[in-house]
Amino acid sequence: MSDRTIMFPLNNDKRHNLRITLFEVYEALEEKGYNPISQIVGYLISGDPTYITNHKDARTNMTKLDRDELLKTLIKFYLSN
């Protein structure tokens, strides 16, 4: 058994799930009157789920995502566009 880190590529289904969840969380935050960008950034930086509202199960759905994977995907997207 190797102790090397293995990288698994993020398939399109996972990428699609990240995108859909992020949109849903954004909309839930906006509906509750929050600044969605600031709240999502606060969560991504701190890991504190209270940055995300419970409205429409946004907090539950957001915390199911892997924060590191979401950040990697966002940075890759930003740098490629």
PDB file of N, CA and C in Angstrom:
ATOM      1  N   MET A   1       0.844  -1.186   0.000  1.00  0.00           N
ATOM      2  CA  MET A   1       0.000   0.000   0.000  1.00  0.00           C
ATOM      3  C   MET A   1       0.882   1.239   0.000  1.00  0.00           C
ATOM      4  N   SER A   2       0.528   2.182  -0.828  1.00  0.00           N
ATOM      5  CA  SER A   2       1.300   3.407  -0.977  1.00  0.00           C
ATOM      6  C   SER A   2       0.738   4.516  -0.094  1.00  0.00           C
ATOM      7  N   ASP A   3       1.618   5.386   0.394  1.00  0.00           N
ATOM      8  CA  ASP A   3       1.156   6.515   1.195  1.00  0.00           C
ATOM      9  C   ASP A   3       1.127   7.802   0.363  1.00  0.00           C
ATOM     10  N   ARG A   4       1.202   7.640  -0.952  1.00  0.00           N
ATOM     11  CA  ARG A   4       1.154   8.805  -1.847  1.00  0.00           C
ATOM     12  C   ARG A   4      -0.277   9.316  -1.958  1.00  0.00           C
ATOM     13  N   THR A   5      -0.410  10.613  -2.158  1.00  0.00           N
ATOM     14  CA  THR A   5      -1.714  11.213  -2.387  1.00  0.00           C
ATOM     15  C   THR A   5      -2.157  10.912  -3.797  1.00  0.00           C
ATOM     16  N   ILE A   6      -3.387  10.477  -3.917  1.00  0.00           N
ATOM     17  CA  ILE A   6      -3.935  10.166  -5.233  1.00  0.00           C
ATOM     18  C   ILE A   6      -4.944  11.242  -5.589  1.00  0.00           C
ATOM     19  N   MET A   7      -4.821  11.792  -6.790  1.00  0.00           N
ATOM     20  CA  MET A   7      -5.748  12.811  -7.266  1.00  0.00           C
ATOM     21  C   MET A   7      -6.813  12.143  -8.127  1.00  0.00           C
ATOM     22  N   PHE A   8      -8.063  12.398  -7.812  1.00  0.00           N
ATOM     23  CA  PHE A   8      -9.157  11.904  -8.622  1.00  0.00           C
ATOM     24  C   PHE A   8      -9.775  13.089  -9.347  1.00  0.00           C
ATOM     25  N   PRO A   9      -9.913  12.996 -10.659  1.00  0.00           N
ATOM     26  CA  PRO A   9     -10.509  14.117 -11.382  1.00  0.00           C
ATOM     27  C   PRO A   9     -11.981  14.295 -11.000  1.00  0.00           C
ATOM     28  N   LEU A  10     -12.423  15.529 -10.979  1.00  0.00           N
ATOM     29  CA  LEU A  10     -13.802  15.837 -10.656  1.00  0.00           C
ATOM     30  C   LEU A  10     -14.636  15.629 -11.914  1.00  0.00           C
ATOM     31  N   ASN A  11     -15.546  14.679 -11.873  1.00  0.00           N
ATOM     32  CA  ASN A  11     -16.332  14.398 -13.073  1.00  0.00           C
ATOM     33  C   ASN A  11     -17.411  15.457 -13.268  1.00  0.00           C
ATOM     34  N   ASN A  12     -18.025  15.441 -14.434  1.00  0.00           N
ATOM     35  CA  ASN A  12     -19.023  16.448 -14.781  1.00  0.00           C
ATOM     36  C   ASN A  12     -20.233  16.424 -13.856  1.00  0.00           C
ATOM     37  N   ASP A  13     -20.626  15.248 -13.367  1.00  0.00           N
ATOM     38  CA  ASP A  13     -21.769  15.165 -12.453  1.00  0.00           C
ATOM     39  C   ASP A  13     -21.484  15.909 -11.157  1.00  0.00           C
ATOM     40  N   LYS A  14     -20.299  15.723 -10.619  1.00  0.00           N
ATOM     41  CA  LYS A  14     -19.939  16.422  -9.380  1.00  0.00           C
ATOM     42  C   LYS A  14     -19.853  17.923  -9.611  1.00  0.00           C
ATOM     43  N   ARG A  15     -19.281  18.316 -10.729  1.00  0.00           N
ATOM     44  CA  ARG A  15     -19.178  19.733 -11.072  1.00  0.00           C
ATOM     45  C   ARG A  15     -20.576  20.342 -11.200  1.00  0.00           C
ATOM     46  N   HIS A  16     -21.474  19.606 -11.842  1.00  0.00           N
ATOM     47  CA  HIS A  16     -22.847  20.067 -12.009  1.00  0.00           C
ATOM     48  C   HIS A  16     -23.527  20.202 -10.645  1.00  0.00           C
ATOM     49  N   ASN A  17     -23.308  19.232  -9.754  1.00  0.00           N
ATOM     50  CA  ASN A  17     -23.880  19.280  -8.413  1.00  0.00           C
ATOM     51  C   ASN A  17     -23.359  20.489  -7.639  1.00  0.00           C
ATOM     52  N   LEU A  18     -22.064  20.761  -7.745  1.00  0.00           N
ATOM     53  CA  LEU A  18     -21.491  21.936  -7.087  1.00  0.00           C
ATOM     54  C   LEU A  18     -22.184  23.202  -7.578  1.00  0.00           C
ATOM     55  N   ARG A  19     -22.343  23.292  -8.886  1.00  0.00           N
ATOM     56  CA  ARG A  19     -22.924  24.489  -9.489  1.00  0.00           C
ATOM     57  C   ARG A  19     -24.378  24.681  -9.059  1.00  0.00           C
ATOM     58  N   ILE A  20     -25.159  23.619  -9.140  1.00  0.00           N
ATOM     59  CA  ILE A  20     -26.576  23.699  -8.764  1.00  0.00           C
ATOM     60  C   ILE A  20     -26.715  24.082  -7.289  1.00  0.00           C
ATOM     61  N   THR A  21     -25.962  23.431  -6.433  1.00  0.00           N
ATOM     62  CA  THR A  21     -26.029  23.726  -4.997  1.00  0.00           C
ATOM     63  C   THR A  21     -25.637  25.161  -4.719  1.00  0.00           C
ATOM     64  N   LEU A  22     -24.583  25.625  -5.361  1.00  0.00           N
ATOM     65  CA  LEU A  22     -24.133  27.007  -5.158  1.00  0.00           C
ATOM     66  C   LEU A  22     -25.209  28.000  -5.585  1.00  0.00           C
ATOM     67  N   PHE A  23     -25.858  27.752  -6.715  1.00  0.00           N
ATOM     68  CA  PHE A  23     -26.952  28.619  -7.161  1.00  0.00           C
ATOM     69  C   PHE A  23     -28.114  28.603  -6.172  1.00  0.00           C
ATOM     70  N   GLU A  24     -28.470  27.427  -5.686  1.00  0.00           N
ATOM     71  CA  GLU A  24     -29.581  27.315  -4.740  1.00  0.00           C
ATOM     72  C   GLU A  24     -29.274  28.035  -3.429  1.00  0.00           C
ATOM     73  N   VAL A  25     -28.047  27.884  -2.943  1.00  0.00           N
ATOM     74  CA  VAL A  25     -27.641  28.565  -1.714  1.00  0.00           C
ATOM     75  C   VAL A  25     -27.649  30.075  -1.935  1.00  0.00           C
ATOM     76  N   TYR A  26     -27.132  30.509  -3.058  1.00  0.00           N
ATOM     77  CA  TYR A  26     -27.118  31.934  -3.410  1.00  0.00           C
ATOM     78  C   TYR A  26     -28.539  32.493  -3.380  1.00  0.00           C
ATOM     79  N   GLU A  27     -29.471  31.813  -4.025  1.00  0.00           N
ATOM     80  CA  GLU A  27     -30.863  32.276  -4.081  1.00  0.00           C
ATOM     81  C   GLU A  27     -31.506  32.315  -2.692  1.00  0.00           C
ATOM     82  N   ALA A  28     -31.239  31.299  -1.882  1.00  0.00           N
ATOM     83  CA  ALA A  28     -31.806  31.260  -0.529  1.00  0.00           C
ATOM     84  C   ALA A  28     -31.282  32.429   0.309  1.00  0.00           C
ATOM     85  N   LEU A  29     -29.989  32.702   0.207  1.00  0.00           N
ATOM     86  CA  LEU A  29     -29.409  33.823   0.944  1.00  0.00           C
ATOM     87  C   LEU A  29     -29.999  35.153   0.472  1.00  0.00           C
ATOM     88  N   GLU A  30     -30.139  35.286  -0.821  1.00  0.00           N
ATOM     89  CA  GLU A  30     -30.697  36.512  -1.404  1.00  0.00           C
ATOM     90  C   GLU A  30     -32.149  36.708  -0.940  1.00  0.00           C
ATOM     91  N   GLU A  31     -32.933  35.636  -0.941  1.00  0.00           N
ATOM     92  CA  GLU A  31     -34.328  35.712  -0.503  1.00  0.00           C
ATOM     93  C   GLU A  31     -34.446  36.162   0.941  1.00  0.00           C
ATOM     94  N   LYS A  32     -33.489  35.788   1.759  1.00  0.00           N
ATOM     95  CA  LYS A  32     -33.513  36.172   3.170  1.00  0.00           C
ATOM     96  C   LYS A  32     -32.910  37.556   3.420  1.00  0.00           C
ATOM     97  N   GLY A  33     -32.433  38.211   2.356  1.00  0.00           N
ATOM     98  CA  GLY A  33     -31.924  39.575   2.488  1.00  0.00           C
ATOM     99  C   GLY A  33     -30.439  39.688   2.797  1.00  0.00           C
ATOM    100  N   TYR A  34     -29.720  38.583   2.699  1.00  0.00           N
ATOM    101  CA  TYR A  34     -28.282  38.606   2.939  1.00  0.00           C
ATOM    102  C   TYR A  34     -27.523  38.966   1.660  1.00  0.00           C
ATOM    103  N   ASN A  35     -26.268  39.337   1.812  1.00  0.00           N
ATOM    104  CA  ASN A  35     -25.375  39.505   0.667  1.00  0.00           C
ATOM    105  C   ASN A  35     -24.793  38.117   0.395  1.00  0.00           C
ATOM    106  N   PRO A  36     -25.299  37.426  -0.647  1.00  0.00           N
ATOM    107  CA  PRO A  36     -24.900  36.028  -0.866  1.00  0.00           C
ATOM    108  C   PRO A  36     -23.405  35.823  -1.062  1.00  0.00           C
ATOM    109  N   ILE A  37     -22.764  36.711  -1.780  1.00  0.00           N
ATOM    110  CA  ILE A  37     -21.326  36.553  -2.029  1.00  0.00           C
ATOM    111  C   ILE A  37     -20.555  36.621  -0.709  1.00  0.00           C
ATOM    112  N   SER A  38     -20.837  37.625   0.091  1.00  0.00           N
ATOM    113  CA  SER A  38     -20.133  37.770   1.377  1.00  0.00           C
ATOM    114  C   SER A  38     -20.374  36.576   2.295  1.00  0.00           C
ATOM    115  N   GLN A  39     -21.605  36.101   2.326  1.00  0.00           N
ATOM    116  CA  GLN A  39     -21.936  34.972   3.192  1.00  0.00           C
ATOM    117  C   GLN A  39     -21.241  33.690   2.735  1.00  0.00           C
ATOM    118  N   ILE A  40     -21.242  33.435   1.431  1.00  0.00           N
ATOM    119  CA  ILE A  40     -20.602  32.223   0.914  1.00  0.00           C
ATOM    120  C   ILE A  40     -19.092  32.292   1.120  1.00  0.00           C
ATOM    121  N   VAL A  41     -18.501  33.448   0.875  1.00  0.00           N
ATOM    122  CA  VAL A  41     -17.060  33.614   1.102  1.00  0.00           C
ATOM    123  C   VAL A  41     -16.739  33.412   2.578  1.00  0.00           C
ATOM    124  N   GLY A  42     -17.546  33.974   3.447  1.00  0.00           N
ATOM    125  CA  GLY A  42     -17.339  33.791   4.890  1.00  0.00           C
ATOM    126  C   GLY A  42     -17.352  32.326   5.271  1.00  0.00           C
ATOM    127  N   TYR A  43     -18.292  31.585   4.716  1.00  0.00           N
ATOM    128  CA  TYR A  43     -18.362  30.150   4.987  1.00  0.00           C
ATOM    129  C   TYR A  43     -17.145  29.416   4.438  1.00  0.00           C
ATOM    130  N   LEU A  44     -16.771  29.723   3.204  1.00  0.00           N
ATOM    131  CA  LEU A  44     -15.642  29.022   2.579  1.00  0.00           C
ATOM    132  C   LEU A  44     -14.329  29.288   3.321  1.00  0.00           C
ATOM    133  N   ILE A  45     -14.152  30.495   3.802  1.00  0.00           N
ATOM    134  CA  ILE A  45     -12.918  30.840   4.518  1.00  0.00           C
ATOM    135  C   ILE A  45     -12.900  30.232   5.921  1.00  0.00           C
ATOM    136  N   SER A  46     -14.009  30.349   6.636  1.00  0.00           N
ATOM    137  CA  SER A  46     -14.020  29.946   8.039  1.00  0.00           C
ATOM    138  C   SER A  46     -14.478  28.507   8.275  1.00  0.00           C
ATOM    139  N   GLY A  47     -15.329  28.012   7.386  1.00  0.00           N
ATOM    140  CA  GLY A  47     -15.923  26.695   7.623  1.00  0.00           C
ATOM    141  C   GLY A  47     -17.100  26.752   8.575  1.00  0.00           C
ATOM    142  N   ASP A  48     -17.467  27.946   9.023  1.00  0.00           N
ATOM    143  CA  ASP A  48     -18.574  28.125   9.955  1.00  0.00           C
ATOM    144  C   ASP A  48     -19.897  28.099   9.194  1.00  0.00           C
ATOM    145  N   PRO A  49     -20.709  27.061   9.381  1.00  0.00           N
ATOM    146  CA  PRO A  49     -21.951  26.934   8.609  1.00  0.00           C
ATOM    147  C   PRO A  49     -23.005  27.993   8.928  1.00  0.00           C
ATOM    148  N   THR A  50     -22.829  28.738  10.031  1.00  0.00           N
ATOM    149  CA  THR A  50     -23.840  29.756  10.356  1.00  0.00           C
ATOM    150  C   THR A  50     -23.820  30.925   9.374  1.00  0.00           C
ATOM    151  N   TYR A  51     -22.829  30.987   8.502  1.00  0.00           N
ATOM    152  CA  TYR A  51     -22.842  31.992   7.442  1.00  0.00           C
ATOM    153  C   TYR A  51     -23.944  31.698   6.420  1.00  0.00           C
ATOM    154  N   ILE A  52     -24.413  30.467   6.386  1.00  0.00           N
ATOM    155  CA  ILE A  52     -25.415  30.043   5.412  1.00  0.00           C
ATOM    156  C   ILE A  52     -26.758  29.853   6.113  1.00  0.00           C
ATOM    157  N   THR A  53     -27.794  30.440   5.552  1.00  0.00           N
ATOM    158  CA  THR A  53     -29.131  30.342   6.124  1.00  0.00           C
ATOM    159  C   THR A  53     -29.678  28.912   6.055  1.00  0.00           C
ATOM    160  N   ASN A  54     -30.602  28.624   6.966  1.00  0.00           N
ATOM    161  CA  ASN A  54     -31.307  27.339   6.937  1.00  0.00           C
ATOM    162  C   ASN A  54     -32.443  27.351   5.917  1.00  0.00           C
ATOM    163  N   HIS A  55     -32.796  28.539   5.448  1.00  0.00           N
ATOM    164  CA  HIS A  55     -33.891  28.703   4.487  1.00  0.00           C
ATOM    165  C   HIS A  55     -33.677  27.778   3.293  1.00  0.00           C
ATOM    166  N   LYS A  56     -34.714  27.033   2.939  1.00  0.00           N
ATOM    167  CA  LYS A  56     -34.691  26.093   1.810  1.00  0.00           C
ATOM    168  C   LYS A  56     -33.578  25.040   1.943  1.00  0.00           C
ATOM    169  N   ASP A  57     -33.230  24.690   3.161  1.00  0.00           N
ATOM    170  CA  ASP A  57     -32.181  23.689   3.440  1.00  0.00           C
ATOM    171  C   ASP A  57     -30.821  24.065   2.858  1.00  0.00           C
ATOM    172  N   ALA A  58     -30.585  25.364   2.689  1.00  0.00           N
ATOM    173  CA  ALA A  58     -29.331  25.827   2.085  1.00  0.00           C
ATOM    174  C   ALA A  58     -28.114  25.410   2.906  1.00  0.00           C
ATOM    175  N   ARG A  59     -28.200  25.532   4.226  1.00  0.00           N
ATOM    176  CA  ARG A  59     -27.051  25.177   5.068  1.00  0.00           C
ATOM    177  C   ARG A  59     -26.728  23.692   4.957  1.00  0.00           C
ATOM    178  N   THR A  60     -27.750  22.869   5.023  1.00  0.00           N
ATOM    179  CA  THR A  60     -27.546  21.419   4.918  1.00  0.00           C
ATOM    180  C   THR A  60     -26.906  21.067   3.578  1.00  0.00           C
ATOM    181  N   ASN A  61     -27.446  21.634   2.512  1.00  0.00           N
ATOM    182  CA  ASN A  61     -26.926  21.337   1.175  1.00  0.00           C
ATOM    183  C   ASN A  61     -25.494  21.844   0.993  1.00  0.00           C
ATOM    184  N   MET A  62     -25.211  23.029   1.520  1.00  0.00           N
ATOM    185  CA  MET A  62     -23.863  23.595   1.371  1.00  0.00           C
ATOM    186  C   MET A  62     -22.841  22.771   2.156  1.00  0.00           C
ATOM    187  N   THR A  63     -23.209  22.336   3.344  1.00  0.00           N
ATOM    188  CA  THR A  63     -22.245  21.595   4.161  1.00  0.00           C
ATOM    189  C   THR A  63     -22.015  20.180   3.650  1.00  0.00           C
ATOM    190  N   LYS A  64     -22.851  19.706   2.737  1.00  0.00           N
ATOM    191  CA  LYS A  64     -22.621  18.409   2.109  1.00  0.00           C
ATOM    192  C   LYS A  64     -21.499  18.485   1.069  1.00  0.00           C
ATOM    193  N   LEU A  65     -21.221  19.688   0.596  1.00  0.00           N
ATOM    194  CA  LEU A  65     -20.158  19.865  -0.403  1.00  0.00           C
ATOM    195  C   LEU A  65     -18.799  19.863   0.268  1.00  0.00           C
ATOM    196  N   ASP A  66     -17.806  19.400  -0.435  1.00  0.00           N
ATOM    197  CA  ASP A  66     -16.422  19.456   0.026  1.00  0.00           C
ATOM    198  C   ASP A  66     -15.897  20.868  -0.258  1.00  0.00           C
ATOM    199  N   ARG A  67     -15.624  21.634   0.810  1.00  0.00           N
ATOM    200  CA  ARG A  67     -15.182  23.024   0.637  1.00  0.00           C
ATOM    201  C   ARG A  67     -13.924  23.129  -0.211  1.00  0.00           C
ATOM    202  N   ASP A  68     -12.957  22.250   0.006  1.00  0.00           N
ATOM    203  CA  ASP A  68     -11.718  22.291  -0.775  1.00  0.00           C
ATOM    204  C   ASP A  68     -11.998  22.073  -2.257  1.00  0.00           C
ATOM    205  N   GLU A  69     -12.856  21.115  -2.548  1.00  0.00           N
ATOM    206  CA  GLU A  69     -13.194  20.810  -3.939  1.00  0.00           C
ATOM    207  C   GLU A  69     -13.922  21.979  -4.581  1.00  0.00           C
ATOM    208  N   LEU A  70     -14.801  22.613  -3.831  1.00  0.00           N
ATOM    209  CA  LEU A  70     -15.523  23.776  -4.344  1.00  0.00           C
ATOM    210  C   LEU A  70     -14.559  24.924  -4.640  1.00  0.00           C
ATOM    211  N   LEU A  71     -13.640  25.187  -3.732  1.00  0.00           N
ATOM    212  CA  LEU A  71     -12.655  26.252  -3.954  1.00  0.00           C
ATOM    213  C   LEU A  71     -11.767  25.959  -5.156  1.00  0.00           C
ATOM    214  N   LYS A  72     -11.317  24.722  -5.284  1.00  0.00           N
ATOM    215  CA  LYS A  72     -10.495  24.338  -6.436  1.00  0.00           C
ATOM    216  C   LYS A  72     -11.261  24.558  -7.737  1.00  0.00           C
ATOM    217  N   THR A  73     -12.513  24.143  -7.755  1.00  0.00           N
ATOM    218  CA  THR A  73     -13.336  24.281  -8.956  1.00  0.00           C
ATOM    219  C   THR A  73     -13.544  25.748  -9.308  1.00  0.00           C
ATOM    220  N   LEU A  74     -13.823  26.576  -8.303  1.00  0.00           N
ATOM    221  CA  LEU A  74     -14.021  28.006  -8.550  1.00  0.00           C
ATOM    222  C   LEU A  74     -12.753  28.673  -9.078  1.00  0.00           C
ATOM    223  N   ILE A  75     -11.620  28.336  -8.510  1.00  0.00           N
ATOM    224  CA  ILE A  75     -10.358  28.932  -8.950  1.00  0.00           C
ATOM    225  C   ILE A  75     -10.005  28.480 -10.363  1.00  0.00           C
ATOM    226  N   LYS A  76     -10.177  27.202 -10.638  1.00  0.00           N
ATOM    227  CA  LYS A  76      -9.923  26.706 -11.999  1.00  0.00           C
ATOM    228  C   LYS A  76     -10.822  27.402 -13.008  1.00  0.00           C
ATOM    229  N   PHE A  77     -12.093  27.551 -12.677  1.00  0.00           N
ATOM    230  CA  PHE A  77     -13.027  28.227 -13.571  1.00  0.00           C
ATOM    231  C   PHE A  77     -12.612  29.674 -13.788  1.00  0.00           C
ATOM    232  N   TYR A  78     -12.286  30.374 -12.735  1.00  0.00           N
ATOM    233  CA  TYR A  78     -11.891  31.780 -12.810  1.00  0.00           C
ATOM    234  C   TYR A  78     -10.645  31.954 -13.671  1.00  0.00           C
ATOM    235  N   LEU A  79      -9.667  31.114 -13.471  1.00  0.00           N
ATOM    236  CA  LEU A  79      -8.407  31.240 -14.213  1.00  0.00           C
ATOM    237  C   LEU A  79      -8.529  30.830 -15.676  1.00  0.00           C
ATOM    238  N   SER A  80      -9.502  29.993 -15.975  1.00  0.00           N
ATOM    239  CA  SER A  80      -9.662  29.548 -17.372  1.00  0.00           C
ATOM    240  C   SER A  80     -10.547  30.487 -18.188  1.00  0.00           C
ATOM    241  N   ASN A  81     -11.182  31.452 -17.541  1.00  0.00           N
ATOM    242  CA  ASN A  81     -12.074  32.384 -18.263  1.00  0.00           C
ATOM    243  C   ASN A  81     -11.607  33.805 -18.200  1.00  0.00           C
TER     244      ASN A  81
END
